[in-house]
Amino acid sequence: MIECENMIKSISSGRTLTVYLEGDIDHHNARPIRSRIDTKVYIQRPDELILDLSGVSFMDSSGLGLILGRYTKAVEMGILFKIANPTPQIKRILDLAGTERLIKVENGRAV
């Protein structure tokens, strides 16, 4: 199993859970990252979940699947879901996938 402990940091502020992702998100580590995020969400039950992608340097389709899957789970649980601060490379992937039709993407958000 790939160690993802240093790839995920989270901060709870009020009813908002912000998860900071760092490094590469690919098929090697998407599953453990997904599991850690889901555990945090199920335990904390926030009103809002923000994935801050400012530290993500690479993402393949597994990373896109991770994001879309967290969006789906958030909607099912009645949680507002946002993406914050994607790097230009990650923003391009999100744009090509049409992600902003579903998910609010905020740039320059100080989270």
C-alpha atoms as a PDB file:
ATOM      1  CA  MET A   1       0.000   0.000   0.000  1.00  0.00           C
ATOM      2  CA  ILE A   2       1.264   3.453  -0.873  1.00  0.00           C
ATOM      3  CA  GLU A   3       1.812   5.718   2.126  1.00  0.00           C
ATOM      4  CA  CYS A   4      -0.318   8.827   1.735  1.00  0.00           C
ATOM      5  CA  GLU A   5      -0.049  10.205   5.272  1.00  0.00           C
ATOM      6  CA  ASN A   6       2.082  13.162   4.190  1.00  0.00           C
ATOM      7  CA  MET A   7      -0.123  13.881   1.154  1.00  0.00           C
ATOM      8  CA  ILE A   8      -3.237  14.829   3.135  1.00  0.00           C
ATOM      9  CA  LYS A   9      -3.720  17.512   5.738  1.00  0.00           C
ATOM     10  CA  SER A  10      -7.081  18.721   6.945  1.00  0.00           C
ATOM     11  CA  ILE A  11      -8.447  21.602   8.947  1.00  0.00           C
ATOM     12  CA  SER A  12     -11.907  21.923  10.436  1.00  0.00           C
ATOM     13  CA  SER A  13     -13.256  25.427  10.862  1.00  0.00           C
ATOM     14  CA  GLY A  14     -16.773  25.614  12.152  1.00  0.00           C
ATOM     15  CA  ARG A  15     -18.779  23.250   9.951  1.00  0.00           C
ATOM     16  CA  THR A  16     -16.251  23.358   7.068  1.00  0.00           C
ATOM     17  CA  LEU A  17     -13.704  20.616   6.465  1.00  0.00           C
ATOM     18  CA  THR A  18     -10.826  21.664   4.219  1.00  0.00           C
ATOM     19  CA  VAL A  19      -8.605  18.881   2.911  1.00  0.00           C
ATOM     20  CA  TYR A  20      -5.223  19.896   1.482  1.00  0.00           C
ATOM     21  CA  LEU A  21      -3.772  17.460  -1.031  1.00  0.00           C
ATOM     22  CA  GLU A  22      -0.097  17.472  -2.024  1.00  0.00           C
ATOM     23  CA  GLY A  23       2.062  15.725  -4.586  1.00  0.00           C
ATOM     24  CA  ASP A  24       0.872  13.413  -7.344  1.00  0.00           C
ATOM     25  CA  ILE A  25      -2.576  11.865  -7.403  1.00  0.00           C
ATOM     26  CA  ASP A  26      -2.482   8.786  -9.597  1.00  0.00           C
ATOM     27  CA  HIS A  27      -3.612   5.168  -9.665  1.00  0.00           C
ATOM     28  CA  HIS A  28      -0.954   4.235  -7.094  1.00  0.00           C
ATOM     29  CA  ASN A  29      -2.318   6.413  -4.306  1.00  0.00           C
ATOM     30  CA  ALA A  30      -5.883   7.440  -5.205  1.00  0.00           C
ATOM     31  CA  ARG A  31      -7.480   4.618  -3.186  1.00  0.00           C
ATOM     32  CA  PRO A  32      -5.776   5.353   0.168  1.00  0.00           C
ATOM     33  CA  ILE A  33      -6.331   9.098  -0.295  1.00  0.00           C
ATOM     34  CA  ARG A  34     -10.007   8.479  -1.042  1.00  0.00           C
ATOM     35  CA  SER A  35     -10.313   6.296   2.035  1.00  0.00           C
ATOM     36  CA  ARG A  36      -8.736   8.903   4.330  1.00  0.00           C
ATOM     37  CA  ILE A  37     -10.968  11.700   3.004  1.00  0.00           C
ATOM     38  CA  ASP A  38     -14.102   9.564   3.339  1.00  0.00           C
ATOM     39  CA  THR A  39     -13.206   8.633   6.910  1.00  0.00           C
ATOM     40  CA  LYS A  40     -12.759  12.305   7.840  1.00  0.00           C
ATOM     41  CA  VAL A  41     -16.095  13.195   6.224  1.00  0.00           C
ATOM     42  CA  TYR A  42     -18.009  10.357   7.912  1.00  0.00           C
ATOM     43  CA  ILE A  43     -16.562  11.183  11.327  1.00  0.00           C
ATOM     44  CA  GLN A  44     -16.889  14.980  11.164  1.00  0.00           C
ATOM     45  CA  ARG A  45     -20.089  15.296   9.080  1.00  0.00           C
ATOM     46  CA  PRO A  46     -19.270  18.830   7.866  1.00  0.00           C
ATOM     47  CA  ASP A  47     -21.732  21.133   6.112  1.00  0.00           C
ATOM     48  CA  GLU A  48     -19.041  21.997   3.566  1.00  0.00           C
ATOM     49  CA  LEU A  49     -16.101  20.011   2.141  1.00  0.00           C
ATOM     50  CA  ILE A  50     -13.314  21.839   0.318  1.00  0.00           C
ATOM     51  CA  LEU A  51     -10.512  20.051  -1.519  1.00  0.00           C
ATOM     52  CA  ASP A  52      -7.552  22.417  -1.785  1.00  0.00           C
ATOM     53  CA  LEU A  53      -5.446  21.306  -4.749  1.00  0.00           C
ATOM     54  CA  SER A  54      -2.766  24.006  -4.536  1.00  0.00           C
ATOM     55  CA  GLY A  55      -0.138  21.405  -3.625  1.00  0.00           C
ATOM     56  CA  VAL A  56      -1.023  18.878  -6.327  1.00  0.00           C
ATOM     57  CA  SER A  57       1.665  18.707  -8.998  1.00  0.00           C
ATOM     58  CA  PHE A  58       0.219  15.896 -11.148  1.00  0.00           C
ATOM     59  CA  MET A  59      -3.138  14.202 -11.499  1.00  0.00           C
ATOM     60  CA  ASP A  60      -4.292  11.491 -13.882  1.00  0.00           C
ATOM     61  CA  SER A  61      -7.785  10.092 -14.442  1.00  0.00           C
ATOM     62  CA  SER A  62      -7.621   8.385 -11.033  1.00  0.00           C
ATOM     63  CA  GLY A  63      -7.313  11.813  -9.420  1.00  0.00           C
ATOM     64  CA  LEU A  64     -10.263  13.074 -11.416  1.00  0.00           C
ATOM     65  CA  GLY A  65     -12.220  10.020 -10.298  1.00  0.00           C
ATOM     66  CA  LEU A  66     -11.237  10.713  -6.699  1.00  0.00           C
ATOM     67  CA  ILE A  67     -12.594  14.265  -6.952  1.00  0.00           C
ATOM     68  CA  LEU A  68     -15.821  13.277  -8.710  1.00  0.00           C
ATOM     69  CA  GLY A  69     -16.393  10.443  -6.256  1.00  0.00           C
ATOM     70  CA  ARG A  70     -16.010  12.780  -3.259  1.00  0.00           C
ATOM     71  CA  TYR A  71     -18.421  15.184  -4.955  1.00  0.00           C
ATOM     72  CA  THR A  72     -20.985  12.383  -5.371  1.00  0.00           C
ATOM     73  CA  LYS A  73     -20.639  11.290  -1.743  1.00  0.00           C
ATOM     74  CA  ALA A  74     -20.908  14.884  -0.540  1.00  0.00           C
ATOM     75  CA  VAL A  75     -24.111  15.430  -2.523  1.00  0.00           C
ATOM     76  CA  GLU A  76     -25.573  12.181  -1.152  1.00  0.00           C
ATOM     77  CA  MET A  77     -24.816  13.388   2.390  1.00  0.00           C
ATOM     78  CA  GLY A  78     -26.126  16.922   1.817  1.00  0.00           C
ATOM     79  CA  ILE A  79     -22.643  18.456   2.018  1.00  0.00           C
ATOM     80  CA  LEU A  80     -21.638  21.459  -0.089  1.00  0.00           C
ATOM     81  CA  PHE A  81     -18.515  20.534  -2.116  1.00  0.00           C
ATOM     82  CA  LYS A  82     -15.889  22.862  -3.588  1.00  0.00           C
ATOM     83  CA  ILE A  83     -12.444  22.682  -5.130  1.00  0.00           C
ATOM     84  CA  ALA A  84      -9.984  25.424  -4.170  1.00  0.00           C
ATOM     85  CA  ASN A  85      -6.749  26.681  -5.668  1.00  0.00           C
ATOM     86  CA  PRO A  86      -5.965  24.168  -8.404  1.00  0.00           C
ATOM     87  CA  THR A  87      -2.597  24.710 -10.070  1.00  0.00           C
ATOM     88  CA  PRO A  88      -2.751  25.717 -13.756  1.00  0.00           C
ATOM     89  CA  GLN A  89      -1.994  22.125 -14.812  1.00  0.00           C
ATOM     90  CA  ILE A  90      -4.725  20.688 -12.597  1.00  0.00           C
ATOM     91  CA  LYS A  91      -7.167  23.438 -13.612  1.00  0.00           C
ATOM     92  CA  ARG A  92      -6.641  22.428 -17.238  1.00  0.00           C
ATOM     93  CA  ILE A  93      -7.537  18.814 -16.465  1.00  0.00           C
ATOM     94  CA  LEU A  94     -10.638  19.948 -14.565  1.00  0.00           C
ATOM     95  CA  ASP A  95     -11.640  22.215 -17.464  1.00  0.00           C
ATOM     96  CA  LEU A  96     -11.173  19.474 -20.062  1.00  0.00           C
ATOM     97  CA  ALA A  97     -13.351  17.159 -17.990  1.00  0.00           C
ATOM     98  CA  GLY A  98     -16.074  19.819 -17.639  1.00  0.00           C
ATOM     99  CA  THR A  99     -15.868  19.624 -13.864  1.00  0.00           C
ATOM    100  CA  GLU A 100     -17.072  23.198 -13.292  1.00  0.00           C
ATOM    101  CA  ARG A 101     -20.493  22.235 -14.613  1.00  0.00           C
ATOM    102  CA  LEU A 102     -20.898  20.252 -11.385  1.00  0.00           C
ATOM    103  CA  ILE A 103     -18.392  21.555  -8.892  1.00  0.00           C
ATOM    104  CA  LYS A 104     -17.566  25.093  -7.852  1.00  0.00           C
ATOM    105  CA  VAL A 105     -13.859  25.814  -8.380  1.00  0.00           C
ATOM    106  CA  GLU A 106     -12.409  28.770  -6.483  1.00  0.00           C
ATOM    107  CA  ASN A 107      -9.010  30.294  -7.226  1.00  0.00           C
ATOM    108  CA  GLY A 108      -7.105  32.406  -4.784  1.00  0.00           C
ATOM    109  CA  ARG A 109      -9.201  31.200  -1.873  1.00  0.00           C
ATOM    110  CA  ALA A 110      -7.311  31.527   1.377  1.00  0.00           C
ATOM    111  CA  VAL A 111      -8.306  28.331   3.111  1.00  0.00           C
END
